[in-house]
Amino acid sequence: MGFIGLLVVVWVAFIGAWFVVSKYFKSSDLDRIKARLAGTTKNKSVKKQKGEAATTSVIHGDAVVKNRIAQLLVERFKLGPKIATLLEQAGLQWQPARFVHLTLISFAAGFAAGWLFIPITHVVAIVTGLIAAAIPGLYVYTKRSARLKKFEELFPDCLEFISRSMRAGHAFSVSLEMIHREFQEPVSSEFRRAFEEHNLGLPIEIALQKLATRIPSLDVHFFVSAVLLQKRTGGNLAEILDKLAYVIRERFKLRGRIRAVSAHGRMTATALSAIPAVVAVLMFYTNPDYVKFFFTDDVGNIMLGAAVGLQLIGYAVMKKIVNIEV
């Protein structure tokens, strides 16, 4: 126990020292680059070729050395595109390697905390590590859900704005650019990005398809399909967008009614899933010898794992029953 605690302290001290030293060298490199760009560098005898090589090595070295283990995992399992898409949908300016690095650090911290503060068995430490490792993913998923929900709330007004703008004589691409000034995030930034991509030479069809990829919403797919179909066959796009906005608002109303009807089912699922956990906590404080069987005995570990797995399956089934897509 003492050795494990000493090991954790040494590990934390090493991580802190590495963070301070890396920050120092990074700030010194940035100052050197700023001085070189400003023409105030002290060493005037350095050749231009050497200066360019040094600047390039600083930039690429920071991108490669930083989070090297996480970067190797991302490249080994080809997780870069999927994680990058998830982070982009959440509106986070993270690299995939940073997300994997945070997950690994969270697992190590949770494992160490379970080993030190709940010294029952290795299984508990692994479980606490896995729970801690899920925290970065849960944070990203929460940010993604909130951002997509905010986009869906503003999207009908955005469609009506595009329709009114086109009726006023503006082009469709100009209407996309005007959204940036008239609406809040995340609608403004997403349509601004689509406009800039089109303004820099990307066809409007591909720019809208990339928008649908960044915002995985059925309403956005309807919007992109309507615009692409109108460009191929012709028609009144303003009227199409007005009708699409009306359909989206009606879907919101129907979704609200369904959530009100299924509220009892959701509460029942939450209560049934919480009862075993509450009973386990009460038994741990009232009769700990009875509960320790699930952590110290091999058969108890199997029973505990099976119980947790079946509980999660039951909760997922109940959520699937009450979750009605509209």
Protein backbone atom coordinates (compact mmCIF):
# COMPACT_ATOMS: atom_id res chain seq x y z
CA MET A 1 0.00 0.00 0.00
CA GLY A 2 2.84 2.41 0.93
CA PHE A 3 4.73 1.53 -2.24
CA ILE A 4 1.66 2.20 -4.40
CA GLY A 5 1.13 5.56 -2.73
CA LEU A 6 4.78 6.51 -3.26
CA LEU A 7 4.51 5.44 -6.89
CA VAL A 8 1.44 7.63 -7.42
CA VAL A 9 3.16 10.62 -5.77
CA VAL A 10 6.24 10.17 -7.96
CA TRP A 11 4.07 9.87 -11.07
CA VAL A 12 2.14 13.05 -10.23
CA ALA A 13 5.40 14.92 -9.51
CA PHE A 14 6.86 13.77 -12.82
CA ILE A 15 3.78 14.86 -14.77
CA GLY A 16 3.85 18.27 -13.06
CA ALA A 17 7.55 18.76 -13.77
CA TRP A 18 7.10 17.72 -17.39
CA PHE A 19 4.20 20.16 -17.78
CA VAL A 20 6.21 23.08 -16.34
CA VAL A 21 9.31 22.34 -18.43
CA SER A 22 7.31 21.88 -21.65
CA LYS A 23 5.48 25.15 -21.01
CA TYR A 24 8.80 26.93 -20.51
CA PHE A 25 10.36 25.62 -23.70
CA LYS A 26 7.18 26.26 -25.67
CA SER A 27 7.05 29.89 -24.52
CA SER A 28 10.75 30.36 -25.33
CA ASP A 29 10.23 28.90 -28.81
CA LEU A 30 7.28 31.23 -29.41
CA ASP A 31 9.33 34.24 -28.30
CA ARG A 32 12.14 33.21 -30.65
CA ILE A 33 9.74 32.86 -33.58
CA LYS A 34 8.12 36.24 -32.83
CA ALA A 35 11.53 37.87 -32.64
CA ARG A 36 12.56 36.32 -35.95
CA LEU A 37 9.35 37.49 -37.67
CA ALA A 38 9.74 40.97 -36.19
CA GLY A 39 13.38 41.16 -37.28
CA THR A 40 14.69 41.70 -33.73
CA THR A 41 16.64 38.47 -33.36
CA LYS A 42 19.95 38.87 -31.59
CA ASN A 43 21.96 36.36 -33.61
CA LYS A 44 22.49 38.13 -36.95
CA SER A 45 25.08 35.67 -38.25
CA VAL A 46 22.68 32.77 -38.65
CA LYS A 47 22.05 31.89 -42.27
CA LYS A 48 18.58 32.11 -43.76
CA GLN A 49 18.52 28.42 -44.58
CA LYS A 50 19.32 27.45 -41.02
CA GLY A 51 16.71 29.85 -39.71
CA GLU A 52 14.05 28.32 -41.92
CA ALA A 53 15.02 24.80 -40.89
CA ALA A 54 14.95 25.72 -37.22
CA THR A 55 11.53 27.31 -37.52
CA THR A 56 10.16 24.30 -39.36
CA SER A 57 11.56 21.87 -36.81
CA VAL A 58 9.99 23.82 -33.95
CA ILE A 59 6.54 23.74 -35.55
CA HIS A 60 6.59 20.12 -36.61
CA GLY A 61 8.28 18.97 -33.42
CA ASP A 62 5.52 20.45 -31.29
CA ALA A 63 2.87 18.69 -33.39
CA VAL A 64 4.63 15.30 -33.28
CA VAL A 65 6.08 15.15 -29.77
CA LYS A 66 2.96 16.41 -28.03
CA ASN A 67 0.79 13.50 -26.90
CA ARG A 68 2.99 11.03 -28.76
CA ILE A 69 1.49 7.90 -27.16
CA ALA A 70 -2.04 9.08 -27.85
CA GLN A 71 -1.08 9.94 -31.42
CA LEU A 72 0.31 6.43 -31.93
CA LEU A 73 -2.95 4.93 -30.65
CA VAL A 74 -4.98 7.14 -32.97
CA GLU A 75 -2.88 6.15 -35.97
CA ARG A 76 -2.75 2.47 -35.01
CA PHE A 77 -6.52 2.02 -34.68
CA LYS A 78 -7.42 4.66 -37.32
CA LEU A 79 -9.56 6.66 -34.90
CA GLY A 80 -8.58 10.09 -36.22
CA PRO A 81 -11.46 10.80 -38.65
CA LYS A 82 -14.18 9.51 -36.32
CA ILE A 83 -12.90 11.40 -33.27
CA ALA A 84 -12.28 14.54 -35.34
CA THR A 85 -15.87 14.45 -36.63
CA LEU A 86 -17.22 13.99 -33.10
CA LEU A 87 -15.13 16.88 -31.75
CA GLU A 88 -16.15 19.07 -34.67
CA GLN A 89 -19.82 18.35 -34.02
CA ALA A 90 -19.28 19.28 -30.36
CA GLY A 91 -17.67 22.58 -31.35
CA LEU A 92 -14.38 21.77 -29.59
CA GLN A 93 -11.05 22.83 -31.09
CA TRP A 94 -9.28 19.66 -29.97
CA GLN A 95 -7.04 17.26 -31.78
CA PRO A 96 -8.00 13.54 -31.70
CA ALA A 97 -4.72 12.78 -29.92
CA ARG A 98 -5.61 15.24 -27.15
CA PHE A 99 -8.95 13.52 -26.57
CA VAL A 100 -7.27 10.10 -26.35
CA HIS A 101 -4.61 11.58 -24.05
CA LEU A 102 -7.26 12.95 -21.68
CA THR A 103 -8.99 9.56 -21.68
CA LEU A 104 -5.77 7.77 -20.75
CA ILE A 105 -5.00 10.26 -17.98
CA SER A 106 -8.53 9.93 -16.60
CA PHE A 107 -8.23 6.14 -16.58
CA ALA A 108 -4.88 6.31 -14.74
CA ALA A 109 -6.27 8.76 -12.17
CA GLY A 110 -9.43 6.69 -11.61
CA PHE A 111 -7.43 3.47 -11.31
CA ALA A 112 -5.07 5.05 -8.77
CA ALA A 113 -7.98 6.47 -6.75
CA GLY A 114 -9.77 3.10 -6.71
CA TRP A 115 -6.55 1.32 -5.72
CA LEU A 116 -5.80 3.70 -2.84
CA PHE A 117 -9.21 4.59 -1.43
CA ILE A 118 -11.18 1.38 -2.14
CA PRO A 119 -8.59 -1.33 -1.44
CA ILE A 120 -10.88 -4.33 -1.90
CA THR A 121 -9.79 -5.92 -5.15
CA HIS A 122 -8.20 -5.07 -8.48
CA VAL A 123 -11.58 -5.27 -10.20
CA VAL A 124 -12.84 -2.21 -8.31
CA ALA A 125 -9.77 -0.21 -9.35
CA ILE A 126 -10.33 -1.20 -12.98
CA VAL A 127 -14.01 -0.27 -12.76
CA THR A 128 -13.21 3.15 -11.26
CA GLY A 129 -10.60 3.65 -13.97
CA LEU A 130 -13.09 2.85 -16.71
CA ILE A 131 -15.67 5.18 -15.16
CA ALA A 132 -13.10 7.98 -14.99
CA ALA A 133 -12.00 7.25 -18.57
CA ALA A 134 -15.58 7.79 -19.73
CA ILE A 135 -15.65 11.37 -18.35
CA PRO A 136 -13.98 13.05 -21.40
CA GLY A 137 -16.26 11.15 -23.77
CA LEU A 138 -19.30 12.07 -21.69
CA TYR A 139 -18.24 15.73 -21.74
CA VAL A 140 -17.82 15.70 -25.53
CA TYR A 141 -21.13 13.88 -26.01
CA THR A 142 -22.92 16.40 -23.76
CA LYS A 143 -21.43 19.34 -25.64
CA ARG A 144 -22.36 17.72 -28.96
CA SER A 145 -25.96 17.05 -27.89
CA ALA A 146 -26.42 20.60 -26.57
CA ARG A 147 -24.94 22.12 -29.72
CA LEU A 148 -27.08 20.02 -32.06
CA LYS A 149 -30.18 20.79 -30.01
CA LYS A 150 -29.47 24.52 -30.18
CA PHE A 151 -28.94 24.24 -33.94
CA GLU A 152 -32.26 22.44 -34.42
CA GLU A 153 -34.08 25.10 -32.40
CA LEU A 154 -32.72 27.94 -34.56
CA PHE A 155 -32.89 26.09 -37.87
CA PRO A 156 -36.58 26.82 -38.78
CA ASP A 157 -36.04 30.56 -38.28
CA CYS A 158 -32.88 30.25 -40.37
CA LEU A 159 -34.80 28.66 -43.24
CA GLU A 160 -37.43 31.39 -43.15
CA PHE A 161 -34.67 34.01 -43.15
CA ILE A 162 -33.13 32.45 -46.28
CA SER A 163 -36.57 32.42 -47.90
CA ARG A 164 -37.23 36.10 -47.13
CA SER A 165 -33.74 37.04 -48.27
CA MET A 166 -34.21 35.30 -51.61
CA ARG A 167 -37.59 36.97 -52.09
CA ALA A 168 -35.86 40.29 -51.50
CA GLY A 169 -33.55 39.59 -54.43
CA HIS A 170 -30.44 38.16 -52.78
CA ALA A 171 -28.69 35.11 -54.15
CA PHE A 172 -28.74 31.87 -52.21
CA SER A 173 -25.02 32.03 -51.38
CA VAL A 174 -25.36 35.62 -50.16
CA SER A 175 -28.24 34.53 -47.92
CA LEU A 176 -25.94 31.95 -46.34
CA GLU A 177 -23.38 34.66 -45.59
CA MET A 178 -26.02 36.96 -44.07
CA ILE A 179 -26.95 34.27 -41.54
CA HIS A 180 -23.60 34.87 -39.86
CA ARG A 181 -24.66 38.40 -38.88
CA GLU A 182 -28.27 37.68 -37.97
CA PHE A 183 -28.16 34.44 -35.95
CA GLN A 184 -26.40 33.05 -32.92
CA GLU A 185 -24.06 30.11 -32.59
CA PRO A 186 -23.88 27.39 -33.79
CA VAL A 187 -26.00 28.34 -36.82
CA SER A 188 -23.94 31.40 -37.68
CA SER A 189 -20.56 29.65 -37.70
CA GLU A 190 -21.76 26.60 -39.63
CA PHE A 191 -23.39 28.57 -42.44
CA ARG A 192 -20.50 31.03 -42.46
CA ARG A 193 -18.15 28.11 -43.01
CA ALA A 194 -20.31 26.75 -45.82
CA PHE A 195 -20.31 30.19 -47.47
CA GLU A 196 -16.54 30.58 -47.16
CA GLU A 197 -15.96 27.13 -48.63
CA HIS A 198 -18.18 28.03 -51.59
CA ASN A 199 -16.58 31.47 -51.90
CA LEU A 200 -13.13 29.89 -52.11
CA GLY A 201 -14.10 27.72 -55.05
CA LEU A 202 -15.89 24.70 -53.62
CA PRO A 203 -19.17 23.89 -55.41
CA ILE A 204 -22.24 24.76 -53.39
CA GLU A 205 -23.41 21.13 -53.55
CA ILE A 206 -20.26 19.84 -51.85
CA ALA A 207 -20.29 22.69 -49.30
CA LEU A 208 -23.86 21.82 -48.30
CA GLN A 209 -23.05 18.12 -48.13
CA LYS A 210 -20.17 18.90 -45.78
CA LEU A 211 -22.60 20.96 -43.69
CA ALA A 212 -24.89 17.92 -43.46
CA THR A 213 -21.91 15.83 -42.36
CA ARG A 214 -20.98 18.28 -39.61
CA ILE A 215 -24.62 18.54 -38.44
CA PRO A 216 -26.08 15.00 -38.46
CA SER A 217 -29.69 16.15 -38.29
CA LEU A 218 -32.59 14.90 -40.37
CA ASP A 219 -33.78 18.47 -40.87
CA VAL A 220 -30.43 19.53 -42.33
CA HIS A 221 -30.47 16.55 -44.69
CA PHE A 222 -33.94 17.59 -45.86
CA PHE A 223 -32.66 21.12 -46.44
CA VAL A 224 -29.63 19.98 -48.43
CA SER A 225 -31.71 17.55 -50.49
CA ALA A 226 -34.28 20.27 -51.27
CA VAL A 227 -31.62 22.74 -52.39
CA LEU A 228 -29.80 20.19 -54.57
CA LEU A 229 -33.07 18.99 -56.11
CA GLN A 230 -34.15 22.55 -56.86
CA LYS A 231 -30.85 23.28 -58.59
CA ARG A 232 -31.29 20.26 -60.85
CA THR A 233 -35.00 20.51 -61.64
CA GLY A 234 -35.84 24.16 -60.93
CA GLY A 235 -38.71 25.57 -58.90
CA ASN A 236 -39.42 28.16 -56.22
CA LEU A 237 -36.77 27.52 -53.55
CA ALA A 238 -38.18 30.18 -51.21
CA GLU A 239 -41.56 28.43 -51.10
CA ILE A 240 -39.87 25.07 -50.54
CA LEU A 241 -37.91 26.43 -47.59
CA ASP A 242 -41.05 27.96 -46.05
CA LYS A 243 -42.85 24.62 -46.23
CA LEU A 244 -39.80 22.83 -44.80
CA ALA A 245 -39.68 25.24 -41.86
CA TYR A 246 -43.40 24.62 -41.24
CA VAL A 247 -42.87 20.83 -41.28
CA ILE A 248 -39.94 21.11 -38.84
CA ARG A 249 -42.00 23.17 -36.39
CA GLU A 250 -44.84 20.66 -36.57
CA ARG A 251 -42.35 17.88 -35.83
CA PHE A 252 -41.21 19.81 -32.76
CA LYS A 253 -44.80 20.07 -31.54
CA LEU A 254 -45.43 16.36 -32.07
CA ARG A 255 -42.15 15.50 -30.36
CA GLY A 256 -43.19 17.56 -27.33
CA ARG A 257 -46.51 15.72 -27.09
CA ILE A 258 -44.77 12.35 -27.30
CA ARG A 259 -42.30 13.32 -24.56
CA ALA A 260 -45.19 14.36 -22.33
CA VAL A 261 -46.97 11.04 -22.89
CA SER A 262 -43.80 8.95 -22.37
CA ALA A 263 -42.65 10.85 -19.27
CA HIS A 264 -44.12 8.15 -16.99
CA GLY A 265 -42.15 5.45 -18.79
CA ARG A 266 -38.89 7.38 -18.48
CA MET A 267 -39.44 7.94 -14.75
CA THR A 268 -40.20 4.24 -14.29
CA ALA A 269 -37.03 3.25 -16.13
CA THR A 270 -34.93 5.58 -13.99
CA ALA A 271 -36.50 4.34 -10.74
CA LEU A 272 -36.13 0.66 -11.60
CA SER A 273 -32.50 1.18 -12.60
CA ALA A 274 -31.66 3.15 -9.45
CA ILE A 275 -33.19 0.68 -6.96
CA PRO A 276 -30.38 -1.96 -7.14
CA ALA A 277 -27.66 0.70 -6.77
CA VAL A 278 -29.38 2.31 -3.77
CA VAL A 279 -29.92 -1.10 -2.12
CA ALA A 280 -26.24 -1.98 -2.68
CA VAL A 281 -25.09 1.27 -1.03
CA LEU A 282 -27.41 0.73 1.96
CA MET A 283 -26.22 -2.86 2.36
CA PHE A 284 -22.60 -1.73 2.18
CA TYR A 285 -23.13 0.53 5.20
CA THR A 286 -25.48 -1.71 7.19
CA ASN A 287 -23.90 -5.13 6.54
CA PRO A 288 -20.53 -4.70 4.76
CA ASP A 289 -19.46 -8.32 5.31
CA TYR A 290 -22.41 -9.48 3.22
CA VAL A 291 -21.57 -7.14 0.36
CA LYS A 292 -17.80 -7.79 0.34
CA PHE A 293 -18.52 -11.24 -1.01
CA PHE A 294 -19.15 -9.65 -4.42
CA PHE A 295 -15.70 -8.03 -4.40
CA THR A 296 -13.44 -10.56 -2.69
CA ASP A 297 -14.73 -13.88 -4.05
CA ASP A 298 -14.31 -15.00 -7.67
CA VAL A 299 -17.90 -16.19 -7.89
CA GLY A 300 -19.02 -12.89 -6.38
CA ASN A 301 -17.08 -10.98 -9.04
CA ILE A 302 -18.82 -12.96 -11.77
CA MET A 303 -22.22 -12.36 -10.17
CA LEU A 304 -21.51 -8.64 -9.77
CA GLY A 305 -20.40 -8.31 -13.39
CA ALA A 306 -23.44 -10.21 -14.65
CA ALA A 307 -25.78 -8.10 -12.49
CA VAL A 308 -24.30 -4.82 -13.72
CA GLY A 309 -24.40 -5.99 -17.32
CA LEU A 310 -28.02 -7.13 -17.11
CA GLN A 311 -28.95 -3.89 -15.37
CA LEU A 312 -27.43 -1.84 -18.18
CA ILE A 313 -29.15 -3.99 -20.80
CA GLY A 314 -32.50 -3.55 -19.05
CA TYR A 315 -32.06 0.21 -18.83
CA ALA A 316 -31.12 0.39 -22.53
CA VAL A 317 -34.21 -1.65 -23.48
CA MET A 318 -36.51 0.57 -21.42
CA LYS A 319 -34.99 3.72 -22.90
CA LYS A 320 -35.42 2.29 -26.38
CA ILE A 321 -39.12 1.62 -25.69
CA VAL A 322 -39.89 5.16 -24.53
CA ASN A 323 -37.62 6.88 -27.07
CA ILE A 324 -39.91 7.42 -30.06
CA GLU A 325 -38.35 9.15 -33.05
CA VAL A 326 -40.46 11.62 -35.00
